Amino acid sequence: MSNHFHMICRRRDNDLNELLGRFKSFTSKKILSVIKGNLKESRKEWLLYLFSFFAIKNKQYSNYHLWNYTNHPTILINNSVINEKRNYIHQNPVRAGLTIDEHSYLYSSACVESPLKVLEIG
């Protein structure tokens, strides 16, 4: 999805809000590094402007703000809930009209050749 993503993750102490905070911090730094680097992207200046504009509204962020303030973590208490959420995630690009099949979406974990990988945070 171009404006959000879903992930299924686990933390032994179930503190998902702290985990998501670390994830947002880590990915924000990486994304900004790529954008500011030698990226051949026509929207580079526009993206940096937007991220700096949103940072002005909250003093917690010094120069740029990428992620939304809210999270919607769901504790996956059993296999039924895990399967329900996994199916929801896989159907998300289909519902959005980005693809006709969950396996055809480039970044879907439904496809075997998915470019997704495990991130070690913290």
PDB file of N, CA and C in Angstrom:
ATOM      1  N   MET A   1       0.848  -1.171   0.000  1.00  0.00           N
ATOM      2  CA  MET A   1       0.000   0.000   0.000  1.00  0.00           C
ATOM      3  C   MET A   1       0.895   1.237   0.000  1.00  0.00           C
ATOM      4  N   SER A   2       0.465   2.254  -0.674  1.00  0.00           N
ATOM      5  CA  SER A   2       1.321   3.436  -0.805  1.00  0.00           C
ATOM      6  C   SER A   2       1.259   4.371   0.399  1.00  0.00           C
ATOM      7  N   ASN A   3       0.230   4.262   1.218  1.00  0.00           N
ATOM      8  CA  ASN A   3       0.101   5.221   2.318  1.00  0.00           C
ATOM      9  C   ASN A   3       0.036   4.579   3.701  1.00  0.00           C
ATOM     10  N   HIS A   4       0.162   3.279   3.780  1.00  0.00           N
ATOM     11  CA  HIS A   4       0.176   2.602   5.074  1.00  0.00           C
ATOM     12  C   HIS A   4       0.632   1.156   4.870  1.00  0.00           C
ATOM     13  N   PHE A   5       0.839   0.489   5.956  1.00  0.00           N
ATOM     14  CA  PHE A   5       1.162  -0.925   5.854  1.00  0.00           C
ATOM     15  C   PHE A   5       0.669  -1.648   7.099  1.00  0.00           C
ATOM     16  N   HIS A   6       0.602  -2.949   6.963  1.00  0.00           N
ATOM     17  CA  HIS A   6       0.219  -3.818   8.072  1.00  0.00           C
ATOM     18  C   HIS A   6       1.361  -4.800   8.286  1.00  0.00           C
ATOM     19  N   MET A   7       1.536  -5.204   9.521  1.00  0.00           N
ATOM     20  CA  MET A   7       2.526  -6.240   9.778  1.00  0.00           C
ATOM     21  C   MET A   7       2.035  -7.128  10.914  1.00  0.00           C
ATOM     22  N   ILE A   8       2.465  -8.355  10.834  1.00  0.00           N
ATOM     23  CA  ILE A   8       2.222  -9.291  11.925  1.00  0.00           C
ATOM     24  C   ILE A   8       3.570  -9.489  12.593  1.00  0.00           C
ATOM     25  N   CYS A   9       3.612  -9.198  13.871  1.00  0.00           N
ATOM     26  CA  CYS A   9       4.873  -9.304  14.589  1.00  0.00           C
ATOM     27  C   CYS A   9       4.611  -9.833  15.984  1.00  0.00           C
ATOM     28  N   ARG A  10       5.697 -10.178  16.636  1.00  0.00           N
ATOM     29  CA  ARG A  10       5.577 -10.731  17.978  1.00  0.00           C
ATOM     30  C   ARG A  10       6.625 -10.094  18.875  1.00  0.00           C
ATOM     31  N   ARG A  11       6.233  -9.886  20.086  1.00  0.00           N
ATOM     32  CA  ARG A  11       7.156  -9.431  21.117  1.00  0.00           C
ATOM     33  C   ARG A  11       6.841 -10.237  22.367  1.00  0.00           C
ATOM     34  N   ARG A  12       7.839 -10.764  22.972  1.00  0.00           N
ATOM     35  CA  ARG A  12       7.624 -11.673  24.111  1.00  0.00           C
ATOM     36  C   ARG A  12       6.837 -11.032  25.244  1.00  0.00           C
ATOM     37  N   ASP A  13       7.064  -9.733  25.506  1.00  0.00           N
ATOM     38  CA  ASP A  13       6.349  -9.089  26.616  1.00  0.00           C
ATOM     39  C   ASP A  13       5.037  -8.426  26.166  1.00  0.00           C
ATOM     40  N   ASN A  14       4.651  -8.593  24.887  1.00  0.00           N
ATOM     41  CA  ASN A  14       3.400  -8.052  24.317  1.00  0.00           C
ATOM     42  C   ASN A  14       3.303  -6.533  24.342  1.00  0.00           C
ATOM     43  N   ASP A  15       4.401  -5.816  24.539  1.00  0.00           N
ATOM     44  CA  ASP A  15       4.375  -4.353  24.523  1.00  0.00           C
ATOM     45  C   ASP A  15       4.504  -3.874  23.078  1.00  0.00           C
ATOM     46  N   LEU A  16       3.396  -3.961  22.336  1.00  0.00           N
ATOM     47  CA  LEU A  16       3.423  -3.624  20.918  1.00  0.00           C
ATOM     48  C   LEU A  16       3.593  -2.132  20.670  1.00  0.00           C
ATOM     49  N   ASN A  17       3.077  -1.286  21.535  1.00  0.00           N
ATOM     50  CA  ASN A  17       3.237   0.153  21.327  1.00  0.00           C
ATOM     51  C   ASN A  17       4.707   0.558  21.383  1.00  0.00           C
ATOM     52  N   GLU A  18       5.465  -0.008  22.297  1.00  0.00           N
ATOM     53  CA  GLU A  18       6.892   0.303  22.387  1.00  0.00           C
ATOM     54  C   GLU A  18       7.612  -0.233  21.154  1.00  0.00           C
ATOM     55  N   LEU A  19       7.246  -1.426  20.721  1.00  0.00           N
ATOM     56  CA  LEU A  19       7.843  -2.014  19.524  1.00  0.00           C
ATOM     57  C   LEU A  19       7.549  -1.149  18.299  1.00  0.00           C
ATOM     58  N   LEU A  20       6.313  -0.694  18.149  1.00  0.00           N
ATOM     59  CA  LEU A  20       5.956   0.136  17.005  1.00  0.00           C
ATOM     60  C   LEU A  20       6.676   1.481  17.049  1.00  0.00           C
ATOM     61  N   GLY A  21       6.870   2.025  18.230  1.00  0.00           N
ATOM     62  CA  GLY A  21       7.630   3.263  18.359  1.00  0.00           C
ATOM     63  C   GLY A  21       9.060   3.096  17.876  1.00  0.00           C
ATOM     64  N   ARG A  22       9.681   2.000  18.256  1.00  0.00           N
ATOM     65  CA  ARG A  22      11.046   1.721  17.798  1.00  0.00           C
ATOM     66  C   ARG A  22      11.083   1.495  16.287  1.00  0.00           C
ATOM     67  N   PHE A  23      10.086   0.781  15.784  1.00  0.00           N
ATOM     68  CA  PHE A  23      10.006   0.523  14.346  1.00  0.00           C
ATOM     69  C   PHE A  23       9.880   1.839  13.576  1.00  0.00           C
ATOM     70  N   LYS A  24       9.003   2.721  14.039  1.00  0.00           N
ATOM     71  CA  LYS A  24       8.809   4.005  13.363  1.00  0.00           C
ATOM     72  C   LYS A  24      10.091   4.840  13.398  1.00  0.00           C
ATOM     73  N   SER A  25      10.775   4.847  14.511  1.00  0.00           N
ATOM     74  CA  SER A  25      12.022   5.599  14.630  1.00  0.00           C
ATOM     75  C   SER A  25      13.078   5.052  13.669  1.00  0.00           C
ATOM     76  N   PHE A  26      13.251   3.748  13.672  1.00  0.00           N
ATOM     77  CA  PHE A  26      14.241   3.094  12.815  1.00  0.00           C
ATOM     78  C   PHE A  26      13.950   3.342  11.342  1.00  0.00           C
ATOM     79  N   THR A  27      12.699   3.105  10.929  1.00  0.00           N
ATOM     80  CA  THR A  27      12.358   3.242   9.516  1.00  0.00           C
ATOM     81  C   THR A  27      12.365   4.700   9.067  1.00  0.00           C
ATOM     82  N   SER A  28      11.977   5.624   9.934  1.00  0.00           N
ATOM     83  CA  SER A  28      12.022   7.047   9.577  1.00  0.00           C
ATOM     84  C   SER A  28      13.440   7.464   9.214  1.00  0.00           C
ATOM     85  N   LYS A  29      14.393   7.063  10.033  1.00  0.00           N
ATOM     86  CA  LYS A  29      15.796   7.406   9.774  1.00  0.00           C
ATOM     87  C   LYS A  29      16.275   6.806   8.455  1.00  0.00           C
ATOM     88  N   LYS A  30      15.914   5.566   8.202  1.00  0.00           N
ATOM     89  CA  LYS A  30      16.338   4.903   6.965  1.00  0.00           C
ATOM     90  C   LYS A  30      15.694   5.554   5.746  1.00  0.00           C
ATOM     91  N   ILE A  31      14.391   5.824   5.820  1.00  0.00           N
ATOM     92  CA  ILE A  31      13.676   6.436   4.687  1.00  0.00           C
ATOM     93  C   ILE A  31      14.242   7.818   4.385  1.00  0.00           C
ATOM     94  N   LEU A  32      14.440   8.637   5.419  1.00  0.00           N
ATOM     95  CA  LEU A  32      15.001   9.973   5.207  1.00  0.00           C
ATOM     96  C   LEU A  32      16.413   9.904   4.638  1.00  0.00           C
ATOM     97  N   SER A  33      17.194   8.948   5.087  1.00  0.00           N
ATOM     98  CA  SER A  33      18.551   8.775   4.570  1.00  0.00           C
ATOM     99  C   SER A  33      18.525   8.475   3.070  1.00  0.00           C
ATOM    100  N   VAL A  34      17.608   7.622   2.650  1.00  0.00           N
ATOM    101  CA  VAL A  34      17.495   7.275   1.230  1.00  0.00           C
ATOM    102  C   VAL A  34      17.017   8.486   0.432  1.00  0.00           C
ATOM    103  N   ILE A  35      16.009   9.174   0.931  1.00  0.00           N
ATOM    104  CA  ILE A  35      15.470  10.344   0.217  1.00  0.00           C
ATOM    105  C   ILE A  35      16.533  11.435   0.089  1.00  0.00           C
ATOM    106  N   LYS A  36      17.263  11.697   1.162  1.00  0.00           N
ATOM    107  CA  LYS A  36      18.279  12.749   1.135  1.00  0.00           C
ATOM    108  C   LYS A  36      19.529  12.346   0.346  1.00  0.00           C
ATOM    109  N   GLY A  37      19.723  11.061   0.154  1.00  0.00           N
ATOM    110  CA  GLY A  37      20.903  10.571  -0.549  1.00  0.00           C
ATOM    111  C   GLY A  37      20.819  10.836  -2.041  1.00  0.00           C
ATOM    112  N   ASN A  38      21.386   9.968  -2.815  1.00  0.00           N
ATOM    113  CA  ASN A  38      21.444  10.132  -4.262  1.00  0.00           C
ATOM    114  C   ASN A  38      20.206   9.594  -4.967  1.00  0.00           C
ATOM    115  N   LEU A  39      19.088   9.692  -4.309  1.00  0.00           N
ATOM    116  CA  LEU A  39      17.845   9.178  -4.868  1.00  0.00           C
ATOM    117  C   LEU A  39      17.430   9.999  -6.081  1.00  0.00           C
ATOM    118  N   LYS A  40      17.196   9.330  -7.201  1.00  0.00           N
ATOM    119  CA  LYS A  40      16.689   9.986  -8.411  1.00  0.00           C
ATOM    120  C   LYS A  40      15.169   9.930  -8.339  1.00  0.00           C
ATOM    121  N   GLU A  41      14.605  10.841  -7.597  1.00  0.00           N
ATOM    122  CA  GLU A  41      13.164  10.859  -7.344  1.00  0.00           C
ATOM    123  C   GLU A  41      12.642  12.260  -7.616  1.00  0.00           C
ATOM    124  N   SER A  42      11.696  12.374  -8.517  1.00  0.00           N
ATOM    125  CA  SER A  42      11.169  13.684  -8.895  1.00  0.00           C
ATOM    126  C   SER A  42      10.444  14.372  -7.744  1.00  0.00           C
ATOM    127  N   ARG A  43       9.982  13.600  -6.768  1.00  0.00           N
ATOM    128  CA  ARG A  43       9.235  14.178  -5.652  1.00  0.00           C
ATOM    129  C   ARG A  43      10.098  14.419  -4.417  1.00  0.00           C
ATOM    130  N   LYS A  44      11.403  14.328  -4.544  1.00  0.00           N
ATOM    131  CA  LYS A  44      12.319  14.433  -3.403  1.00  0.00           C
ATOM    132  C   LYS A  44      12.086  15.703  -2.584  1.00  0.00           C
ATOM    133  N   GLU A  45      12.139  16.864  -3.205  1.00  0.00           N
ATOM    134  CA  GLU A  45      11.974  18.126  -2.484  1.00  0.00           C
ATOM    135  C   GLU A  45      10.576  18.243  -1.890  1.00  0.00           C
ATOM    136  N   TRP A  46       9.593  17.774  -2.612  1.00  0.00           N
ATOM    137  CA  TRP A  46       8.203  17.816  -2.134  1.00  0.00           C
ATOM    138  C   TRP A  46       8.029  16.941  -0.896  1.00  0.00           C
ATOM    139  N   LEU A  47       8.598  15.729  -0.914  1.00  0.00           N
ATOM    140  CA  LEU A  47       8.519  14.827   0.232  1.00  0.00           C
ATOM    141  C   LEU A  47       9.183  15.446   1.456  1.00  0.00           C
ATOM    142  N   LEU A  48      10.375  15.984   1.283  1.00  0.00           N
ATOM    143  CA  LEU A  48      11.079  16.599   2.406  1.00  0.00           C
ATOM    144  C   LEU A  48      10.302  17.803   2.939  1.00  0.00           C
ATOM    145  N   TYR A  49       9.691  18.569   2.043  1.00  0.00           N
ATOM    146  CA  TYR A  49       8.868  19.700   2.476  1.00  0.00           C
ATOM    147  C   TYR A  49       7.693  19.215   3.329  1.00  0.00           C
ATOM    148  N   LEU A  50       6.983  18.188   2.854  1.00  0.00           N
ATOM    149  CA  LEU A  50       5.834  17.664   3.610  1.00  0.00           C
ATOM    150  C   LEU A  50       6.256  17.132   4.974  1.00  0.00           C
ATOM    151  N   PHE A  51       7.326  16.369   5.021  1.00  0.00           N
ATOM    152  CA  PHE A  51       7.785  15.808   6.287  1.00  0.00           C
ATOM    153  C   PHE A  51       8.211  16.920   7.255  1.00  0.00           C
ATOM    154  N   SER A  52       8.808  17.989   6.738  1.00  0.00           N
ATOM    155  CA  SER A  52       9.192  19.103   7.614  1.00  0.00           C
ATOM    156  C   SER A  52       7.963  19.898   8.051  1.00  0.00           C
ATOM    157  N   PHE A  53       6.984  20.034   7.174  1.00  0.00           N
ATOM    158  CA  PHE A  53       5.741  20.734   7.510  1.00  0.00           C
ATOM    159  C   PHE A  53       5.039  20.040   8.679  1.00  0.00           C
ATOM    160  N   PHE A  54       4.941  18.713   8.628  1.00  0.00           N
ATOM    161  CA  PHE A  54       4.273  17.970   9.696  1.00  0.00           C
ATOM    162  C   PHE A  54       5.076  17.982  10.995  1.00  0.00           C
ATOM    163  N   ALA A  55       6.387  18.116  10.900  1.00  0.00           N
ATOM    164  CA  ALA A  55       7.213  18.187  12.104  1.00  0.00           C
ATOM    165  C   ALA A  55       6.984  19.488  12.862  1.00  0.00           C
ATOM    166  N   ILE A  56       6.648  20.556  12.163  1.00  0.00           N
ATOM    167  CA  ILE A  56       6.423  21.857  12.796  1.00  0.00           C
ATOM    168  C   ILE A  56       5.249  21.792  13.777  1.00  0.00           C
ATOM    169  N   LYS A  57       4.247  20.965  13.463  1.00  0.00           N
ATOM    170  CA  LYS A  57       3.040  20.868  14.284  1.00  0.00           C
ATOM    171  C   LYS A  57       3.276  20.150  15.611  1.00  0.00           C
ATOM    172  N   ASN A  58       4.383  19.430  15.735  1.00  0.00           N
ATOM    173  CA  ASN A  58       4.659  18.693  16.963  1.00  0.00           C
ATOM    174  C   ASN A  58       6.126  18.883  17.327  1.00  0.00           C
ATOM    175  N   LYS A  59       6.386  19.482  18.441  1.00  0.00           N
ATOM    176  CA  LYS A  59       7.760  19.790  18.839  1.00  0.00           C
ATOM    177  C   LYS A  59       8.586  18.550  19.180  1.00  0.00           C
ATOM    178  N   GLN A  60       7.943  17.385  19.262  1.00  0.00           N
ATOM    179  CA  GLN A  60       8.669  16.146  19.532  1.00  0.00           C
ATOM    180  C   GLN A  60       9.627  15.829  18.381  1.00  0.00           C
ATOM    181  N   TYR A  61       9.285  16.275  17.189  1.00  0.00           N
ATOM    182  CA  TYR A  61      10.087  15.977  16.007  1.00  0.00           C
ATOM    183  C   TYR A  61      10.862  17.219  15.612  1.00  0.00           C
ATOM    184  N   SER A  62      12.184  17.098  15.500  1.00  0.00           N
ATOM    185  CA  SER A  62      12.999  18.279  15.252  1.00  0.00           C
ATOM    186  C   SER A  62      12.871  18.787  13.820  1.00  0.00           C
ATOM    187  N   ASN A  63      13.079  17.940  12.835  1.00  0.00           N
ATOM    188  CA  ASN A  63      13.085  18.412  11.456  1.00  0.00           C
ATOM    189  C   ASN A  63      12.031  17.757  10.566  1.00  0.00           C
ATOM    190  N   TYR A  64      11.781  16.473  10.772  1.00  0.00           N
ATOM    191  CA  TYR A  64      10.877  15.742   9.882  1.00  0.00           C
ATOM    192  C   TYR A  64       9.961  14.828  10.683  1.00  0.00           C
ATOM    193  N   HIS A  65       8.774  14.625  10.153  1.00  0.00           N
ATOM    194  CA  HIS A  65       7.818  13.689  10.765  1.00  0.00           C
ATOM    195  C   HIS A  65       7.202  12.853   9.652  1.00  0.00           C
ATOM    196  N   LEU A  66       7.388  11.529   9.722  1.00  0.00           N
ATOM    197  CA  LEU A  66       6.905  10.652   8.661  1.00  0.00           C
ATOM    198  C   LEU A  66       5.654   9.871   9.031  1.00  0.00           C
ATOM    199  N   TRP A  67       5.636   9.305  10.228  1.00  0.00           N
ATOM    200  CA  TRP A  67       4.576   8.370  10.599  1.00  0.00           C
ATOM    201  C   TRP A  67       3.417   9.068  11.302  1.00  0.00           C
ATOM    202  N   ASN A  68       2.256   8.460  11.189  1.00  0.00           N
ATOM    203  CA  ASN A  68       1.080   8.914  11.919  1.00  0.00           C
ATOM    204  C   ASN A  68       1.322   8.697  13.419  1.00  0.00           C
ATOM    205  N   TYR A  69       0.638   9.437  14.243  1.00  0.00           N
ATOM    206  CA  TYR A  69       0.822   9.338  15.690  1.00  0.00           C
ATOM    207  C   TYR A  69       0.159   8.100  16.293  1.00  0.00           C
ATOM    208  N   THR A  70      -0.824   7.563  15.620  1.00  0.00           N
ATOM    209  CA  THR A  70      -1.600   6.473  16.211  1.00  0.00           C
ATOM    210  C   THR A  70      -1.156   5.112  15.687  1.00  0.00           C
ATOM    211  N   ASN A  71      -1.372   4.112  16.497  1.00  0.00           N
ATOM    212  CA  ASN A  71      -1.163   2.708  16.138  1.00  0.00           C
ATOM    213  C   ASN A  71      -2.462   1.967  16.430  1.00  0.00           C
ATOM    214  N   HIS A  72      -2.632   0.857  15.784  1.00  0.00           N
ATOM    215  CA  HIS A  72      -3.813   0.037  16.051  1.00  0.00           C
ATOM    216  C   HIS A  72      -3.391  -1.415  16.254  1.00  0.00           C
ATOM    217  N   PRO A  73      -2.585  -1.675  17.289  1.00  0.00           N
ATOM    218  CA  PRO A  73      -2.129  -3.058  17.484  1.00  0.00           C
ATOM    219  C   PRO A  73      -3.256  -3.966  17.976  1.00  0.00           C
ATOM    220  N   THR A  74      -3.225  -5.174  17.500  1.00  0.00           N
ATOM    221  CA  THR A  74      -4.172  -6.203  17.915  1.00  0.00           C
ATOM    222  C   THR A  74      -3.373  -7.384  18.433  1.00  0.00           C
ATOM    223  N   ILE A  75      -3.672  -7.828  19.620  1.00  0.00           N
ATOM    224  CA  ILE A  75      -3.002  -9.008  20.160  1.00  0.00           C
ATOM    225  C   ILE A  75      -3.567 -10.235  19.445  1.00  0.00           C
ATOM    226  N   LEU A  76      -2.689 -11.014  18.869  1.00  0.00           N
ATOM    227  CA  LEU A  76      -3.092 -12.208  18.123  1.00  0.00           C
ATOM    228  C   LEU A  76      -3.116 -13.390  19.084  1.00  0.00           C
ATOM    229  N   ILE A  77      -4.297 -13.627  19.643  1.00  0.00           N
ATOM    230  CA  ILE A  77      -4.415 -14.558  20.763  1.00  0.00           C
ATOM    231  C   ILE A  77      -4.489 -16.023  20.359  1.00  0.00           C
ATOM    232  N   ASN A  78      -4.816 -16.286  19.098  1.00  0.00           N
ATOM    233  CA  ASN A  78      -4.884 -17.685  18.652  1.00  0.00           C
ATOM    234  C   ASN A  78      -4.735 -17.747  17.135  1.00  0.00           C
ATOM    235  N   ASN A  79      -4.642 -18.947  16.591  1.00  0.00           N
ATOM    236  CA  ASN A  79      -4.435 -19.121  15.151  1.00  0.00           C
ATOM    237  C   ASN A  79      -5.589 -18.568  14.323  1.00  0.00           C
ATOM    238  N   SER A  80      -6.792 -18.630  14.850  1.00  0.00           N
ATOM    239  CA  SER A  80      -7.941 -18.101  14.129  1.00  0.00           C
ATOM    240  C   SER A  80      -7.804 -16.591  13.896  1.00  0.00           C
ATOM    241  N   VAL A  81      -7.401 -15.873  14.927  1.00  0.00           N
ATOM    242  CA  VAL A  81      -7.212 -14.420  14.810  1.00  0.00           C
ATOM    243  C   VAL A  81      -6.031 -14.119  13.883  1.00  0.00           C
ATOM    244  N   ILE A  82      -4.965 -14.894  13.991  1.00  0.00           N
ATOM    245  CA  ILE A  82      -3.805 -14.713  13.113  1.00  0.00           C
ATOM    246  C   ILE A  82      -4.217 -14.895  11.656  1.00  0.00           C
ATOM    247  N   ASN A  83      -4.950 -15.954  11.353  1.00  0.00           N
ATOM    248  CA  ASN A  83      -5.400 -16.197   9.980  1.00  0.00           C
ATOM    249  C   ASN A  83      -6.329 -15.098   9.486  1.00  0.00           C
ATOM    250  N   GLU A  84      -7.218 -14.633  10.343  1.00  0.00           N
ATOM    251  CA  GLU A  84      -8.131 -13.548   9.973  1.00  0.00           C
ATOM    252  C   GLU A  84      -7.355 -12.290   9.598  1.00  0.00           C
ATOM    253  N   LYS A  85      -6.392 -11.916  10.420  1.00  0.00           N
ATOM    254  CA  LYS A  85      -5.597 -10.710  10.161  1.00  0.00           C
ATOM    255  C   LYS A  85      -4.705 -10.888   8.938  1.00  0.00           C
ATOM    256  N   ARG A  86      -4.109 -12.053   8.784  1.00  0.00           N
ATOM    257  CA  ARG A  86      -3.270 -12.319   7.609  1.00  0.00           C
ATOM    258  C   ARG A  86      -4.089 -12.203   6.329  1.00  0.00           C
ATOM    259  N   ASN A  87      -5.291 -12.773   6.323  1.00  0.00           N
ATOM    260  CA  ASN A  87      -6.149 -12.686   5.143  1.00  0.00           C
ATOM    261  C   ASN A  87      -6.566 -11.242   4.869  1.00  0.00           C
ATOM    262  N   TYR A  88      -6.858 -10.478   5.915  1.00  0.00           N
ATOM    263  CA  TYR A  88      -7.196  -9.064   5.763  1.00  0.00           C
ATOM    264  C   TYR A  88      -6.031  -8.309   5.107  1.00  0.00           C
ATOM    265  N   ILE A  89      -4.823  -8.567   5.587  1.00  0.00           N
ATOM    266  CA  ILE A  89      -3.633  -7.907   5.046  1.00  0.00           C
ATOM    267  C   ILE A  89      -3.442  -8.271   3.576  1.00  0.00           C
ATOM    268  N   HIS A  90      -3.571  -9.544   3.258  1.00  0.00           N
ATOM    269  CA  HIS A  90      -3.362  -9.981   1.879  1.00  0.00           C
ATOM    270  C   HIS A  90      -4.422  -9.425   0.933  1.00  0.00           C
ATOM    271  N   GLN A  91      -5.634  -9.236   1.421  1.00  0.00           N
ATOM    272  CA  GLN A  91      -6.706  -8.706   0.565  1.00  0.00           C
ATOM    273  C   GLN A  91      -6.703  -7.180   0.480  1.00  0.00           C
ATOM    274  N   ASN A  92      -5.935  -6.513   1.305  1.00  0.00           N
ATOM    275  CA  ASN A  92      -5.927  -5.053   1.335  1.00  0.00           C
ATOM    276  C   ASN A  92      -5.633  -4.416  -0.032  1.00  0.00           C
ATOM    277  N   PRO A  93      -4.567  -4.806  -0.748  1.00  0.00           N
ATOM    278  CA  PRO A  93      -4.328  -4.199  -2.061  1.00  0.00           C
ATOM    279  C   PRO A  93      -5.387  -4.575  -3.097  1.00  0.00           C
ATOM    280  N   VAL A  94      -6.037  -5.714  -2.914  1.00  0.00           N
ATOM    281  CA  VAL A  94      -7.127  -6.111  -3.805  1.00  0.00           C
ATOM    282  C   VAL A  94      -8.322  -5.185  -3.590  1.00  0.00           C
ATOM    283  N   ARG A  95      -8.690  -4.956  -2.318  1.00  0.00           N
ATOM    284  CA  ARG A  95      -9.800  -4.049  -2.003  1.00  0.00           C
ATOM    285  C   ARG A  95      -9.520  -2.632  -2.482  1.00  0.00           C
ATOM    286  N   ALA A  96      -8.246  -2.230  -2.451  1.00  0.00           N
ATOM    287  CA  ALA A  96      -7.871  -0.881  -2.873  1.00  0.00           C
ATOM    288  C   ALA A  96      -7.801  -0.746  -4.392  1.00  0.00           C
ATOM    289  N   GLY A  97      -7.958  -1.866  -5.104  1.00  0.00           N
ATOM    290  CA  GLY A  97      -7.928  -1.830  -6.559  1.00  0.00           C
ATOM    291  C   GLY A  97      -6.533  -1.772  -7.155  1.00  0.00           C
ATOM    292  N   LEU A  98      -5.513  -2.106  -6.362  1.00  0.00           N
ATOM    293  CA  LEU A  98      -4.138  -2.073  -6.852  1.00  0.00           C
ATOM    294  C   LEU A  98      -3.760  -3.336  -7.618  1.00  0.00           C
ATOM    295  N   THR A  99      -4.493  -4.395  -7.376  1.00  0.00           N
ATOM    296  CA  THR A  99      -4.221  -5.665  -8.037  1.00  0.00           C
ATOM    297  C   THR A  99      -5.506  -6.489  -8.042  1.00  0.00           C
ATOM    298  N   ILE A 100      -5.556  -7.488  -8.893  1.00  0.00           N
ATOM    299  CA  ILE A 100      -6.762  -8.328  -8.934  1.00  0.00           C
ATOM    300  C   ILE A 100      -6.610  -9.570  -8.073  1.00  0.00           C
ATOM    301  N   ASP A 101      -5.398  -9.810  -7.626  1.00  0.00           N
ATOM    302  CA  ASP A 101      -5.113 -11.038  -6.891  1.00  0.00           C
ATOM    303  C   ASP A 101      -4.045 -10.755  -5.843  1.00  0.00           C
ATOM    304  N   GLU A 102      -4.234 -11.261  -4.639  1.00  0.00           N
ATOM    305  CA  GLU A 102      -3.296 -10.975  -3.543  1.00  0.00           C
ATOM    306  C   GLU A 102      -1.876 -11.415  -3.840  1.00  0.00           C
ATOM    307  N   HIS A 103      -1.706 -12.434  -4.674  1.00  0.00           N
ATOM    308  CA  HIS A 103      -0.373 -12.933  -5.000  1.00  0.00           C
ATOM    309  C   HIS A 103       0.335 -12.068  -6.037  1.00  0.00           C
ATOM    310  N   SER A 104      -0.403 -11.211  -6.724  1.00  0.00           N
ATOM    311  CA  SER A 104       0.174 -10.361  -7.765  1.00  0.00           C
ATOM    312  C   SER A 104       0.730  -9.054  -7.238  1.00  0.00           C
ATOM    313  N   TYR A 105       0.402  -8.695  -6.020  1.00  0.00           N
ATOM    314  CA  TYR A 105       0.894  -7.437  -5.466  1.00  0.00           C
ATOM    315  C   TYR A 105       2.361  -7.602  -5.107  1.00  0.00           C
ATOM    316  N   LEU A 106       3.207  -6.718  -5.628  1.00  0.00           N
ATOM    317  CA  LEU A 106       4.659  -6.847  -5.498  1.00  0.00           C
ATOM    318  C   LEU A 106       5.127  -7.019  -4.057  1.00  0.00           C
ATOM    319  N   TYR A 107       4.534  -6.274  -3.123  1.00  0.00           N
ATOM    320  CA  TYR A 107       5.017  -6.294  -1.743  1.00  0.00           C
ATOM    321  C   TYR A 107       4.197  -7.182  -0.818  1.00  0.00           C
ATOM    322  N   SER A 108       3.420  -8.071  -1.369  1.00  0.00           N
ATOM    323  CA  SER A 108       2.583  -8.939  -0.557  1.00  0.00           C
ATOM    324  C   SER A 108       3.371 -10.111   0.007  1.00  0.00           C
ATOM    325  N   SER A 109       3.108 -10.415   1.250  1.00  0.00           N
ATOM    326  CA  SER A 109       3.713 -11.613   1.840  1.00  0.00           C
ATOM    327  C   SER A 109       2.985 -12.865   1.372  1.00  0.00           C
ATOM    328  N   ALA A 110       1.921 -12.689   0.585  1.00  0.00           N
ATOM    329  CA  ALA A 110       1.189 -13.838   0.048  1.00  0.00           C
ATOM    330  C   ALA A 110       1.973 -14.515  -1.074  1.00  0.00           C
ATOM    331  N   CYS A 111       2.905 -13.799  -1.678  1.00  0.00           N
ATOM    332  CA  CYS A 111       3.662 -14.397  -2.782  1.00  0.00           C
ATOM    333  C   CYS A 111       4.999 -14.935  -2.288  1.00  0.00           C
ATOM    334  N   VAL A 112       5.428 -15.994  -2.895  1.00  0.00           N
ATOM    335  CA  VAL A 112       6.657 -16.667  -2.474  1.00  0.00           C
ATOM    336  C   VAL A 112       7.873 -15.783  -2.675  1.00  0.00           C
ATOM    337  N   GLU A 113       7.912 -15.005  -3.754  1.00  0.00           N
ATOM    338  CA  GLU A 113       9.065 -14.169  -4.072  1.00  0.00           C
ATOM    339  C   GLU A 113       8.986 -12.794  -3.406  1.00  0.00           C
ATOM    340  N   SER A 114       8.253 -12.683  -2.336  1.00  0.00           N
ATOM    341  CA  SER A 114       8.080 -11.396  -1.664  1.00  0.00           C
ATOM    342  C   SER A 114       9.421 -10.789  -1.267  1.00  0.00           C
ATOM    343  N   PRO A 115       9.620  -9.469  -1.523  1.00  0.00           N
ATOM    344  CA  PRO A 115      10.869  -8.830  -1.117  1.00  0.00           C
ATOM    345  C   PRO A 115      10.909  -8.482   0.369  1.00  0.00           C
ATOM    346  N   LEU A 116       9.898  -8.886   1.105  1.00  0.00           N
ATOM    347  CA  LEU A 116       9.843  -8.568   2.532  1.00  0.00           C
ATOM    348  C   LEU A 116      10.902  -9.355   3.282  1.00  0.00           C
ATOM    349  N   LYS A 117      11.404  -8.767   4.354  1.00  0.00           N
ATOM    350  CA  LYS A 117      12.383  -9.456   5.165  1.00  0.00           C
ATOM    351  C   LYS A 117      12.172  -9.102   6.629  1.00  0.00           C
ATOM    352  N   VAL A 118      12.803  -9.842   7.490  1.00  0.00           N
ATOM    353  CA  VAL A 118      12.716  -9.607   8.917  1.00  0.00           C
ATOM    354  C   VAL A 118      13.646  -8.468   9.282  1.00  0.00           C
ATOM    355  N   LEU A 119      13.157  -7.508  10.052  1.00  0.00           N
ATOM    356  CA  LEU A 119      13.977  -6.400  10.528  1.00  0.00           C
ATOM    357  C   LEU A 119      14.294  -6.614  11.995  1.00  0.00           C
ATOM    358  N   GLU A 120      15.547  -6.468  12.345  1.00  0.00           N
ATOM    359  CA  GLU A 120      15.969  -6.496  13.735  1.00  0.00           C
ATOM    360  C   GLU A 120      15.976  -5.060  14.211  1.00  0.00           C
ATOM    361  N   ILE A 121      15.161  -4.732  15.189  1.00  0.00           N
ATOM    362  CA  ILE A 121      15.066  -3.365  15.688  1.00  0.00           C
ATOM    363  C   ILE A 121      15.506  -3.336  17.145  1.00  0.00           C
ATOM    364  N   GLY A 122      16.356  -2.388  17.448  1.00  0.00           N
ATOM    365  CA  GLY A 122      16.752  -2.154  18.834  1.00  0.00           C
ATOM    366  C   GLY A 122      17.838  -3.042  19.278  1.00  0.00           C
TER     367      GLY A 122
END
